[in-house]
Protein backbone atom coordinates (compact mmCIF):
# COMPACT_ATOMS: atom_id res chain seq x y z
CA MET A 1 -0.15 0.06 -0.04
CA LYS A 2 1.33 3.25 -0.91
CA ILE A 3 1.38 5.90 1.85
CA VAL A 4 0.93 9.29 0.26
CA TYR A 5 1.54 12.51 2.45
CA MET A 6 1.66 16.36 2.77
CA SER A 7 3.99 17.80 5.16
CA LEU A 8 4.49 21.79 5.70
CA THR A 9 6.88 21.66 8.56
CA GLY A 10 8.34 18.42 8.70
CA GLN A 11 6.60 16.47 11.46
CA THR A 12 4.17 14.27 9.29
CA ARG A 13 7.62 13.58 7.18
CA LYS A 14 9.28 12.28 10.25
CA PHE A 15 6.29 10.03 11.04
CA VAL A 16 5.65 8.37 7.56
CA LYS A 17 9.47 8.00 7.61
CA LYS A 18 9.21 5.63 10.39
CA LEU A 19 6.76 3.21 8.41
CA ASP A 20 9.47 1.96 5.96
CA MET A 21 6.44 2.04 3.35
CA ASP A 22 6.38 3.07 -0.04
CA LEU A 23 5.84 6.58 0.23
CA LEU A 24 4.92 9.61 -2.31
CA GLU A 25 5.20 13.34 -0.83
CA ILE A 26 2.54 15.53 -2.52
CA THR A 27 4.04 19.49 -2.45
CA PRO A 28 2.16 22.65 -3.68
CA THR A 29 4.16 22.25 -6.99
CA ASN A 30 2.97 18.58 -7.82
CA PRO A 31 -0.34 17.74 -6.59
CA TYR A 32 -1.74 16.59 -10.00
CA ILE A 33 0.06 12.87 -9.68
CA PHE A 34 -1.80 10.25 -11.52
CA ILE A 35 -1.53 7.06 -9.30
CA LYS A 36 -2.93 3.23 -10.37
CA GLU A 37 -2.55 1.64 -7.12
CA PRO A 38 -4.16 1.45 -3.58
CA PHE A 39 -3.25 4.03 -1.09
CA ILE A 40 -3.59 6.03 1.97
CA VAL A 41 -3.22 9.59 3.04
CA VAL A 42 -1.23 11.13 5.78
CA VAL A 43 -2.32 14.55 6.45
CA PRO A 44 -1.11 17.33 9.10
CA THR A 45 -3.82 19.47 10.76
CA TYR A 46 -3.77 23.03 8.87
CA GLU A 47 -6.20 25.44 7.10
CA ILE A 48 -8.14 24.33 4.24
CA GLU A 49 -6.18 26.44 2.09
CA ALA A 50 -3.01 24.79 3.16
CA THR A 51 -4.37 21.36 2.59
CA GLU A 52 -6.37 21.90 -0.54
CA MET A 53 -3.23 20.30 -2.51
CA MET A 54 -4.35 16.88 -0.91
CA ASN A 55 -7.73 17.27 -2.30
CA ASP A 56 -6.46 18.13 -5.92
CA PHE A 57 -4.25 14.71 -5.53
CA ILE A 58 -7.05 12.51 -4.66
CA GLU A 59 -9.47 14.10 -7.32
CA THR A 60 -6.77 13.76 -10.28
CA GLY A 61 -7.40 10.89 -12.84
CA ASP A 62 -8.86 8.05 -11.24
CA ASN A 63 -7.03 8.33 -7.64
CA LEU A 64 -10.17 8.60 -5.93
CA SER A 65 -10.94 4.93 -6.85
CA TYR A 66 -7.49 3.59 -5.35
CA PHE A 67 -8.09 6.02 -1.99
CA LYS A 68 -8.53 3.46 0.70
CA GLY A 69 -7.98 5.66 4.00
CA VAL A 70 -6.71 8.64 5.66
CA VAL A 71 -4.55 9.29 8.90
CA GLY A 72 -4.29 12.53 10.63
CA GLY A 73 -1.07 14.39 12.74
CA GLY A 74 -1.97 17.14 14.80
CA ASN A 75 -1.44 18.67 18.36
CA LEU A 76 -3.76 17.25 21.20
CA ASN A 77 -3.80 21.20 22.18
CA PHE A 78 -5.96 21.77 19.51
CA GLY A 79 -8.90 19.98 21.37
CA LYS A 80 -11.90 19.33 19.46
CA LEU A 81 -9.82 20.41 16.13
CA PHE A 82 -7.17 17.52 16.66
CA VAL A 83 -6.71 15.85 13.10
CA PHE A 84 -9.76 18.09 11.73
CA THR A 85 -8.21 17.81 8.36
CA ALA A 86 -8.14 14.27 8.32
CA LYS A 87 -11.73 13.97 9.48
CA ASP A 88 -12.80 16.27 6.83
CA ILE A 89 -11.12 14.27 4.24
CA ALA A 90 -12.48 10.88 5.74
CA LYS A 91 -16.10 12.49 5.46
CA LYS A 92 -15.87 13.97 2.36
CA TYR A 93 -14.47 10.86 0.25
CA ASP A 94 -16.28 8.38 2.76
CA VAL A 95 -12.94 6.52 3.69
CA PRO A 96 -11.98 5.18 7.33
CA LEU A 97 -9.82 7.50 9.22
CA LEU A 98 -7.44 4.85 10.10
CA HIS A 99 -5.32 6.55 12.94
CA ALA A 100 -4.28 9.85 14.51
CA PHE A 101 -1.08 10.86 16.06
CA GLU A 102 0.44 13.77 17.89
CA PHE A 103 3.48 15.84 16.35
CA GLN A 104 5.81 12.91 14.34
CA GLY A 105 3.90 9.96 16.51
CA ASN A 106 5.90 7.46 18.16
CA GLU A 107 6.82 3.55 18.03
CA GLU A 108 3.20 2.76 19.20
CA ASP A 109 1.59 4.97 16.47
CA VAL A 110 3.84 3.52 13.80
CA ARG A 111 2.72 -0.10 15.13
CA LYS A 112 -1.06 0.73 15.40
CA LEU A 113 -1.04 2.22 11.37
CA LYS A 114 0.89 -0.55 9.86
CA LYS A 115 -1.66 -2.88 11.46
CA ALA A 116 -4.55 -0.87 10.08
CA VAL A 117 -2.91 -0.86 6.79
CA LYS A 118 -2.44 -4.90 6.89
CA GLU A 119 -6.25 -4.95 7.61
CA LEU A 120 -7.10 -2.99 4.81
CA GLY A 121 -5.30 -5.50 2.63
């Protein structure tokens, strides 16, 4: 399963590199990438303007048909807004929210996410 992510501050990038999985980083200069394999997205919590590029990626070509789930990173100090970007994407595209982690995650987060990905197939 491919892990597609965006990372504006580097926290999400540090987390996904711990996964030792196939990674694809989406940046403001390359959101319109076509993909032909199952993937999940890992997104930090930012205002919609900052994360719109992930929606652009998901909606490019047939990408949506391969989209299997979303993972969110954030700061627990956000309270109700913790991982709201991931929650919004899950709701908008009707995919499961697979996991939520704080900052760059820890080994338990890595273990839980790998298990969730394995269960997806």
